[in-house]
Amino acid sequence: MSDQIQPEQQPVFNIQRLYLKDMSLEQPNSPAIFLEQEAPSIEVQLDVGNDKLADGIYEATITITVTAKIGDKVAFLVECKQAGIFEARNIPDGQMEPLLGIACPNIIYPYLRANIADTVTRAGFPPIHLTEINFEVFYHQRREAMAEGASQPVQ
């Protein structure tokens, strides 16, 4: 018997679809905010998630919320949830979580960045160019935080 992996056991990873799942924009202080001369401060919040849709089929998502403020006034708040459906079969144990938490977000993120920049520009503001994100570091930080949270006694 040969030690070769049979074709039906070969690891498979394919992008099935990339799509914009949710997008919202708020401009609570428009049009007065456009008269402000000061540059806005920008706050970015990030979340990554995934769900198993069927055997070997997964949805991975990235949600980013960008809040721009001038002083204590919100210039705009934009939230974008970009998603992808991926086929992942015969992935070795211990590699599925990093695949969904690192590789899939790396594929999805450029689309999310473009959607945020486009939406902010269409809203009348200078585009927001989100920086690159190291999803491997984010994944490991999140796992450490979850492990620490699980080891904390409940009060």
N, C-alpha and C. Protein backbone atom coordinates (compact mmCIF):
# COMPACT_ATOMS: atom_id res chain seq x y z
N MET A 1 0.85 -1.18 0.00
CA MET A 1 0.00 0.00 0.00
C MET A 1 0.89 1.24 0.00
N SER A 2 0.54 2.20 -0.75
CA SER A 2 1.32 3.42 -0.89
C SER A 2 0.95 4.43 0.19
N ASP A 3 1.92 5.30 0.57
CA ASP A 3 1.67 6.35 1.55
C ASP A 3 1.13 7.62 0.90
N GLN A 4 0.90 7.60 -0.39
CA GLN A 4 0.40 8.79 -1.08
C GLN A 4 -1.03 9.08 -0.67
N ILE A 5 -1.34 10.37 -0.65
CA ILE A 5 -2.71 10.80 -0.34
C ILE A 5 -3.56 10.58 -1.58
N GLN A 6 -4.69 9.94 -1.38
CA GLN A 6 -5.62 9.70 -2.48
C GLN A 6 -6.24 11.04 -2.90
N PRO A 7 -6.60 11.18 -4.19
CA PRO A 7 -7.17 12.45 -4.66
C PRO A 7 -8.37 12.93 -3.84
N GLU A 8 -9.23 12.00 -3.39
CA GLU A 8 -10.40 12.42 -2.62
C GLU A 8 -10.02 12.87 -1.21
N GLN A 9 -8.76 12.65 -0.79
CA GLN A 9 -8.30 13.07 0.53
C GLN A 9 -7.39 14.30 0.47
N GLN A 10 -7.12 14.78 -0.72
CA GLN A 10 -6.27 15.96 -0.87
C GLN A 10 -6.94 17.16 -0.20
N PRO A 11 -6.16 18.00 0.49
CA PRO A 11 -6.75 19.23 1.04
C PRO A 11 -7.30 20.10 -0.09
N VAL A 12 -8.48 20.67 0.15
CA VAL A 12 -9.14 21.53 -0.84
C VAL A 12 -9.47 22.85 -0.16
N PHE A 13 -9.11 23.95 -0.84
CA PHE A 13 -9.49 25.28 -0.36
C PHE A 13 -9.83 26.12 -1.58
N ASN A 14 -11.09 26.57 -1.66
CA ASN A 14 -11.56 27.37 -2.79
C ASN A 14 -12.43 28.52 -2.29
N ILE A 15 -12.32 29.62 -2.99
CA ILE A 15 -13.22 30.75 -2.75
C ILE A 15 -14.49 30.49 -3.56
N GLN A 16 -15.63 30.43 -2.89
CA GLN A 16 -16.90 30.24 -3.59
C GLN A 16 -17.51 31.59 -3.99
N ARG A 17 -17.45 32.56 -3.07
CA ARG A 17 -18.05 33.87 -3.32
C ARG A 17 -17.53 34.87 -2.30
N LEU A 18 -17.30 36.11 -2.75
CA LEU A 18 -16.98 37.23 -1.87
C LEU A 18 -18.09 38.25 -2.05
N TYR A 19 -18.58 38.81 -0.93
CA TYR A 19 -19.72 39.72 -1.05
C TYR A 19 -19.79 40.69 0.13
N LEU A 20 -20.47 41.80 -0.12
CA LEU A 20 -20.75 42.80 0.89
C LEU A 20 -22.01 42.37 1.61
N LYS A 21 -21.88 42.02 2.89
CA LYS A 21 -23.02 41.47 3.64
C LYS A 21 -23.86 42.58 4.27
N ASP A 22 -23.21 43.64 4.74
CA ASP A 22 -23.94 44.73 5.41
C ASP A 22 -23.11 45.99 5.32
N MET A 23 -23.79 47.13 5.15
CA MET A 23 -23.11 48.41 5.09
C MET A 23 -24.05 49.47 5.62
N SER A 24 -23.54 50.32 6.51
CA SER A 24 -24.37 51.44 6.98
C SER A 24 -23.50 52.68 7.14
N LEU A 25 -24.13 53.82 6.92
CA LEU A 25 -23.46 55.11 7.03
C LEU A 25 -24.38 56.06 7.78
N GLU A 26 -23.82 56.74 8.76
CA GLU A 26 -24.56 57.76 9.50
C GLU A 26 -23.77 59.05 9.45
N GLN A 27 -24.48 60.16 9.24
CA GLN A 27 -23.90 61.50 9.27
C GLN A 27 -24.79 62.37 10.15
N PRO A 28 -24.75 62.18 11.45
CA PRO A 28 -25.70 62.85 12.33
C PRO A 28 -25.57 64.37 12.38
N ASN A 29 -24.43 64.92 12.01
CA ASN A 29 -24.23 66.37 12.11
C ASN A 29 -24.07 67.05 10.76
N SER A 30 -24.55 66.40 9.69
CA SER A 30 -24.51 67.02 8.37
C SER A 30 -25.72 67.92 8.21
N PRO A 31 -25.63 69.00 7.53
CA PRO A 31 -24.51 69.50 6.74
C PRO A 31 -23.53 70.38 7.52
N ALA A 32 -23.86 70.75 8.75
CA ALA A 32 -23.01 71.68 9.51
C ALA A 32 -21.57 71.16 9.66
N ILE A 33 -21.40 69.86 9.75
CA ILE A 33 -20.06 69.30 9.96
C ILE A 33 -19.13 69.60 8.79
N PHE A 34 -19.70 69.80 7.59
CA PHE A 34 -18.87 70.11 6.42
C PHE A 34 -18.23 71.49 6.50
N LEU A 35 -18.73 72.34 7.39
CA LEU A 35 -18.17 73.69 7.54
C LEU A 35 -17.00 73.71 8.52
N GLU A 36 -16.79 72.64 9.24
CA GLU A 36 -15.68 72.55 10.19
C GLU A 36 -14.34 72.52 9.44
N GLN A 37 -13.35 73.21 9.99
CA GLN A 37 -12.03 73.26 9.35
C GLN A 37 -11.07 72.23 9.93
N GLU A 38 -11.34 71.77 11.13
CA GLU A 38 -10.46 70.85 11.83
C GLU A 38 -10.53 69.45 11.20
N ALA A 39 -9.39 68.77 11.20
CA ALA A 39 -9.37 67.39 10.68
C ALA A 39 -10.01 66.46 11.72
N PRO A 40 -10.77 65.49 11.27
CA PRO A 40 -11.43 64.59 12.22
C PRO A 40 -10.45 63.59 12.84
N SER A 41 -10.78 63.15 14.05
CA SER A 41 -10.07 62.02 14.65
C SER A 41 -10.81 60.77 14.22
N ILE A 42 -10.06 59.71 13.97
CA ILE A 42 -10.65 58.48 13.43
C ILE A 42 -10.44 57.35 14.43
N GLU A 43 -11.53 56.62 14.69
CA GLU A 43 -11.47 55.43 15.55
C GLU A 43 -11.96 54.25 14.72
N VAL A 44 -11.22 53.12 14.80
CA VAL A 44 -11.57 51.93 14.02
C VAL A 44 -11.72 50.75 14.97
N GLN A 45 -12.84 50.04 14.83
CA GLN A 45 -13.07 48.80 15.59
C GLN A 45 -13.18 47.66 14.59
N LEU A 46 -12.59 46.52 14.95
CA LEU A 46 -12.51 45.38 14.05
C LEU A 46 -13.03 44.12 14.74
N ASP A 47 -13.76 43.30 13.98
CA ASP A 47 -14.18 42.00 14.47
C ASP A 47 -14.12 41.01 13.30
N VAL A 48 -13.73 39.78 13.60
CA VAL A 48 -13.63 38.72 12.61
C VAL A 48 -14.47 37.55 13.10
N GLY A 49 -15.19 36.91 12.20
CA GLY A 49 -16.00 35.76 12.60
C GLY A 49 -16.11 34.75 11.48
N ASN A 50 -16.63 33.57 11.81
CA ASN A 50 -16.89 32.57 10.79
C ASN A 50 -17.98 31.62 11.27
N ASP A 51 -18.66 31.01 10.30
CA ASP A 51 -19.73 30.05 10.56
C ASP A 51 -19.60 28.90 9.57
N LYS A 52 -19.93 27.71 10.04
CA LYS A 52 -20.00 26.56 9.14
C LYS A 52 -21.38 26.55 8.51
N LEU A 53 -21.44 26.58 7.17
CA LEU A 53 -22.71 26.62 6.46
C LEU A 53 -23.19 25.23 6.09
N ALA A 54 -22.27 24.37 5.74
CA ALA A 54 -22.56 22.99 5.34
C ALA A 54 -21.26 22.21 5.49
N ASP A 55 -21.30 20.94 5.19
CA ASP A 55 -20.10 20.14 5.29
C ASP A 55 -19.03 20.68 4.33
N GLY A 56 -17.93 21.18 4.88
CA GLY A 56 -16.84 21.70 4.08
C GLY A 56 -17.05 23.08 3.51
N ILE A 57 -18.14 23.75 3.88
CA ILE A 57 -18.45 25.10 3.38
C ILE A 57 -18.57 26.05 4.57
N TYR A 58 -17.82 27.16 4.51
CA TYR A 58 -17.75 28.10 5.62
C TYR A 58 -17.93 29.54 5.14
N GLU A 59 -18.52 30.35 5.99
CA GLU A 59 -18.60 31.78 5.74
C GLU A 59 -17.65 32.44 6.72
N ALA A 60 -16.77 33.30 6.21
CA ALA A 60 -15.89 34.11 7.05
C ALA A 60 -16.29 35.57 6.87
N THR A 61 -16.27 36.33 7.97
CA THR A 61 -16.68 37.74 7.91
C THR A 61 -15.66 38.63 8.63
N ILE A 62 -15.59 39.86 8.16
CA ILE A 62 -14.86 40.93 8.85
C ILE A 62 -15.83 42.08 8.97
N THR A 63 -15.95 42.61 10.19
CA THR A 63 -16.78 43.79 10.42
C THR A 63 -15.88 44.90 10.92
N ILE A 64 -15.95 46.05 10.28
CA ILE A 64 -15.18 47.21 10.71
C ILE A 64 -16.15 48.37 10.89
N THR A 65 -15.98 49.07 12.02
CA THR A 65 -16.72 50.29 12.28
C THR A 65 -15.72 51.44 12.35
N VAL A 66 -15.93 52.45 11.52
CA VAL A 66 -15.06 53.63 11.49
C VAL A 66 -15.89 54.81 11.97
N THR A 67 -15.41 55.46 13.03
CA THR A 67 -16.08 56.65 13.56
C THR A 67 -15.13 57.83 13.41
N ALA A 68 -15.60 58.88 12.74
CA ALA A 68 -14.82 60.12 12.58
C ALA A 68 -15.49 61.21 13.40
N LYS A 69 -14.70 61.85 14.27
CA LYS A 69 -15.23 62.92 15.11
C LYS A 69 -14.41 64.18 14.92
N ILE A 70 -15.10 65.30 14.97
CA ILE A 70 -14.46 66.61 15.02
C ILE A 70 -14.88 67.20 16.36
N GLY A 71 -13.91 67.28 17.27
CA GLY A 71 -14.25 67.65 18.64
C GLY A 71 -15.10 66.54 19.23
N ASP A 72 -16.27 66.91 19.76
CA ASP A 72 -17.16 65.89 20.32
C ASP A 72 -18.32 65.55 19.37
N LYS A 73 -18.26 66.08 18.14
CA LYS A 73 -19.32 65.83 17.16
C LYS A 73 -18.91 64.72 16.19
N VAL A 74 -19.82 63.80 15.95
CA VAL A 74 -19.58 62.74 14.99
C VAL A 74 -19.75 63.30 13.58
N ALA A 75 -18.69 63.21 12.79
CA ALA A 75 -18.78 63.62 11.38
C ALA A 75 -19.49 62.51 10.59
N PHE A 76 -19.00 61.28 10.78
CA PHE A 76 -19.66 60.13 10.17
C PHE A 76 -19.30 58.87 10.93
N LEU A 77 -20.16 57.89 10.78
CA LEU A 77 -19.91 56.55 11.32
C LEU A 77 -20.28 55.60 10.20
N VAL A 78 -19.33 54.77 9.81
CA VAL A 78 -19.60 53.80 8.75
C VAL A 78 -19.25 52.41 9.28
N GLU A 79 -20.17 51.47 9.05
CA GLU A 79 -19.94 50.09 9.45
C GLU A 79 -20.08 49.22 8.22
N CYS A 80 -19.10 48.34 8.04
CA CYS A 80 -19.09 47.47 6.87
C CYS A 80 -18.81 46.04 7.32
N LYS A 81 -19.61 45.12 6.80
CA LYS A 81 -19.40 43.69 7.05
C LYS A 81 -19.19 43.03 5.70
N GLN A 82 -17.96 42.64 5.45
CA GLN A 82 -17.59 41.97 4.21
C GLN A 82 -17.47 40.48 4.50
N ALA A 83 -17.91 39.65 3.58
CA ALA A 83 -17.93 38.22 3.83
C ALA A 83 -17.45 37.43 2.62
N GLY A 84 -17.15 36.18 2.90
CA GLY A 84 -16.78 35.26 1.84
C GLY A 84 -17.27 33.87 2.18
N ILE A 85 -17.60 33.11 1.16
CA ILE A 85 -17.95 31.70 1.34
C ILE A 85 -16.78 30.90 0.77
N PHE A 86 -16.28 29.99 1.59
CA PHE A 86 -15.09 29.22 1.24
C PHE A 86 -15.37 27.73 1.37
N GLU A 87 -14.82 26.97 0.44
CA GLU A 87 -14.85 25.52 0.54
C GLU A 87 -13.52 25.10 1.15
N ALA A 88 -13.57 24.33 2.23
CA ALA A 88 -12.37 23.84 2.90
C ALA A 88 -12.62 22.40 3.33
N ARG A 89 -11.95 21.48 2.64
CA ARG A 89 -12.14 20.05 2.92
C ARG A 89 -10.79 19.38 3.11
N ASN A 90 -10.80 18.34 3.93
CA ASN A 90 -9.60 17.53 4.19
C ASN A 90 -8.43 18.37 4.70
N ILE A 91 -8.76 19.40 5.47
CA ILE A 91 -7.73 20.25 6.08
C ILE A 91 -7.24 19.54 7.34
N PRO A 92 -5.93 19.41 7.51
CA PRO A 92 -5.40 18.71 8.70
C PRO A 92 -5.88 19.34 10.01
N ASP A 93 -6.02 18.49 11.03
CA ASP A 93 -6.42 18.97 12.36
C ASP A 93 -5.51 20.10 12.80
N GLY A 94 -6.09 21.08 13.43
CA GLY A 94 -5.32 22.21 13.93
C GLY A 94 -5.07 23.29 12.90
N GLN A 95 -5.42 23.05 11.64
CA GLN A 95 -5.19 24.06 10.61
C GLN A 95 -6.47 24.76 10.15
N MET A 96 -7.64 24.22 10.52
CA MET A 96 -8.89 24.83 10.07
C MET A 96 -9.12 26.19 10.73
N GLU A 97 -8.90 26.26 12.05
CA GLU A 97 -9.11 27.54 12.74
C GLU A 97 -8.22 28.64 12.18
N PRO A 98 -6.91 28.41 12.03
CA PRO A 98 -6.08 29.46 11.44
C PRO A 98 -6.47 29.79 9.98
N LEU A 99 -6.92 28.79 9.24
CA LEU A 99 -7.36 29.04 7.87
C LEU A 99 -8.53 30.03 7.87
N LEU A 100 -9.52 29.76 8.73
CA LEU A 100 -10.71 30.63 8.79
C LEU A 100 -10.41 31.97 9.47
N GLY A 101 -9.46 31.98 10.41
CA GLY A 101 -9.19 33.19 11.17
C GLY A 101 -8.08 34.06 10.62
N ILE A 102 -7.27 33.52 9.70
CA ILE A 102 -6.15 34.30 9.15
C ILE A 102 -6.24 34.38 7.63
N ALA A 103 -6.24 33.23 6.96
CA ALA A 103 -6.21 33.23 5.49
C ALA A 103 -7.47 33.85 4.88
N CYS A 104 -8.63 33.45 5.38
CA CYS A 104 -9.88 34.00 4.82
C CYS A 104 -9.99 35.51 5.03
N PRO A 105 -9.73 36.04 6.24
CA PRO A 105 -9.76 37.50 6.38
C PRO A 105 -8.76 38.23 5.48
N ASN A 106 -7.59 37.63 5.23
CA ASN A 106 -6.62 38.24 4.32
C ASN A 106 -7.18 38.35 2.91
N ILE A 107 -8.01 37.42 2.51
CA ILE A 107 -8.62 37.44 1.18
C ILE A 107 -9.74 38.49 1.13
N ILE A 108 -10.54 38.57 2.19
CA ILE A 108 -11.71 39.44 2.25
C ILE A 108 -11.35 40.92 2.43
N TYR A 109 -10.31 41.19 3.22
CA TYR A 109 -10.01 42.56 3.68
C TYR A 109 -9.83 43.60 2.55
N PRO A 110 -9.15 43.30 1.46
CA PRO A 110 -9.03 44.34 0.41
C PRO A 110 -10.38 44.83 -0.12
N TYR A 111 -11.35 43.94 -0.20
CA TYR A 111 -12.68 44.32 -0.67
C TYR A 111 -13.36 45.23 0.35
N LEU A 112 -13.21 44.92 1.62
CA LEU A 112 -13.77 45.75 2.68
C LEU A 112 -13.15 47.14 2.65
N ARG A 113 -11.82 47.21 2.54
CA ARG A 113 -11.12 48.51 2.48
C ARG A 113 -11.66 49.36 1.34
N ALA A 114 -11.84 48.77 0.18
CA ALA A 114 -12.33 49.51 -0.99
C ALA A 114 -13.76 50.00 -0.76
N ASN A 115 -14.61 49.17 -0.16
CA ASN A 115 -15.99 49.57 0.11
C ASN A 115 -16.06 50.71 1.11
N ILE A 116 -15.21 50.68 2.15
CA ILE A 116 -15.18 51.77 3.13
C ILE A 116 -14.74 53.06 2.45
N ALA A 117 -13.64 53.03 1.70
CA ALA A 117 -13.12 54.24 1.03
C ALA A 117 -14.16 54.81 0.07
N ASP A 118 -14.81 53.95 -0.69
CA ASP A 118 -15.81 54.40 -1.65
C ASP A 118 -17.00 55.04 -0.96
N THR A 119 -17.49 54.41 0.10
CA THR A 119 -18.66 54.93 0.82
C THR A 119 -18.37 56.28 1.46
N VAL A 120 -17.22 56.40 2.10
CA VAL A 120 -16.86 57.66 2.76
C VAL A 120 -16.72 58.77 1.72
N THR A 121 -16.11 58.47 0.58
CA THR A 121 -15.96 59.46 -0.49
C THR A 121 -17.32 59.88 -1.03
N ARG A 122 -18.20 58.91 -1.26
CA ARG A 122 -19.54 59.22 -1.78
C ARG A 122 -20.37 60.02 -0.77
N ALA A 123 -20.00 59.92 0.52
CA ALA A 123 -20.70 60.69 1.56
C ALA A 123 -20.21 62.13 1.62
N GLY A 124 -19.18 62.47 0.83
CA GLY A 124 -18.71 63.84 0.78
C GLY A 124 -17.47 64.12 1.61
N PHE A 125 -16.85 63.08 2.14
CA PHE A 125 -15.66 63.24 2.97
C PHE A 125 -14.44 62.73 2.22
N PRO A 126 -13.25 63.18 2.64
CA PRO A 126 -12.04 62.60 2.04
C PRO A 126 -12.02 61.10 2.34
N PRO A 127 -11.48 60.29 1.42
CA PRO A 127 -11.51 58.84 1.63
C PRO A 127 -10.69 58.42 2.85
N ILE A 128 -11.15 57.37 3.48
CA ILE A 128 -10.43 56.75 4.59
C ILE A 128 -9.68 55.56 3.99
N HIS A 129 -8.38 55.56 4.14
CA HIS A 129 -7.57 54.44 3.67
C HIS A 129 -7.13 53.64 4.88
N LEU A 130 -7.84 52.55 5.14
CA LEU A 130 -7.52 51.71 6.29
C LEU A 130 -6.15 51.06 6.08
N THR A 131 -5.39 50.98 7.16
CA THR A 131 -4.07 50.37 7.07
C THR A 131 -4.19 48.86 6.92
N GLU A 132 -3.11 48.25 6.50
CA GLU A 132 -3.06 46.80 6.42
C GLU A 132 -3.22 46.22 7.82
N ILE A 133 -3.79 45.06 7.92
CA ILE A 133 -3.97 44.39 9.21
C ILE A 133 -3.25 43.05 9.13
N ASN A 134 -2.47 42.76 10.15
CA ASN A 134 -1.82 41.46 10.24
C ASN A 134 -2.80 40.53 10.95
N PHE A 135 -3.56 39.77 10.18
CA PHE A 135 -4.59 38.92 10.76
C PHE A 135 -4.01 37.76 11.56
N GLU A 136 -2.76 37.40 11.29
CA GLU A 136 -2.13 36.36 12.10
C GLU A 136 -1.92 36.85 13.52
N VAL A 137 -1.41 38.08 13.68
CA VAL A 137 -1.22 38.67 15.01
C VAL A 137 -2.58 38.86 15.68
N PHE A 138 -3.56 39.38 14.94
CA PHE A 138 -4.91 39.59 15.48
C PHE A 138 -5.50 38.27 15.97
N TYR A 139 -5.35 37.21 15.20
CA TYR A 139 -5.86 35.88 15.54
C TYR A 139 -5.24 35.40 16.86
N HIS A 140 -3.92 35.51 16.98
CA HIS A 140 -3.23 35.03 18.18
C HIS A 140 -3.57 35.88 19.41
N GLN A 141 -3.68 37.20 19.23
CA GLN A 141 -4.07 38.08 20.34
C GLN A 141 -5.48 37.74 20.81
N ARG A 142 -6.35 37.49 19.89
CA ARG A 142 -7.74 37.16 20.24
C ARG A 142 -7.82 35.82 20.98
N ARG A 143 -7.05 34.84 20.53
CA ARG A 143 -7.02 33.53 21.21
C ARG A 143 -6.47 33.67 22.63
N GLU A 144 -5.41 34.48 22.79
CA GLU A 144 -4.84 34.71 24.12
C GLU A 144 -5.86 35.39 25.03
N ALA A 145 -6.56 36.39 24.50
CA ALA A 145 -7.56 37.10 25.30
C ALA A 145 -8.69 36.16 25.71
N MET A 146 -9.11 35.28 24.80
CA MET A 146 -10.17 34.32 25.11
C MET A 146 -9.69 33.33 26.17
N ALA A 147 -8.43 32.89 26.05
CA ALA A 147 -7.88 31.94 27.03
C ALA A 147 -7.79 32.59 28.40
N GLU A 148 -7.35 33.84 28.45
CA GLU A 148 -7.27 34.56 29.73
C GLU A 148 -8.64 34.77 30.33
N GLY A 149 -9.63 35.09 29.46
CA GLY A 149 -10.99 35.28 29.93
C GLY A 149 -11.57 33.99 30.49
N ALA A 150 -11.24 32.86 29.88
CA ALA A 150 -11.75 31.58 30.33
C ALA A 150 -11.10 31.15 31.64
N SER A 151 -9.87 31.62 31.89
CA SER A 151 -9.18 31.22 33.13
C SER A 151 -9.50 32.14 34.31
N GLN A 152 -10.21 33.24 34.02
CA GLN A 152 -10.59 34.17 35.10
C GLN A 152 -11.76 33.59 35.88
N PRO A 153 -11.69 33.66 37.23
CA PRO A 153 -12.83 33.18 38.01
C PRO A 153 -14.05 34.08 37.82
N VAL A 154 -15.22 33.46 37.82
CA VAL A 154 -16.46 34.20 37.69
C VAL A 154 -16.81 34.80 39.04
N GLN A 155 -17.16 36.08 39.03
CA GLN A 155 -17.45 36.75 40.30
C GLN A 155 -18.93 37.02 40.46
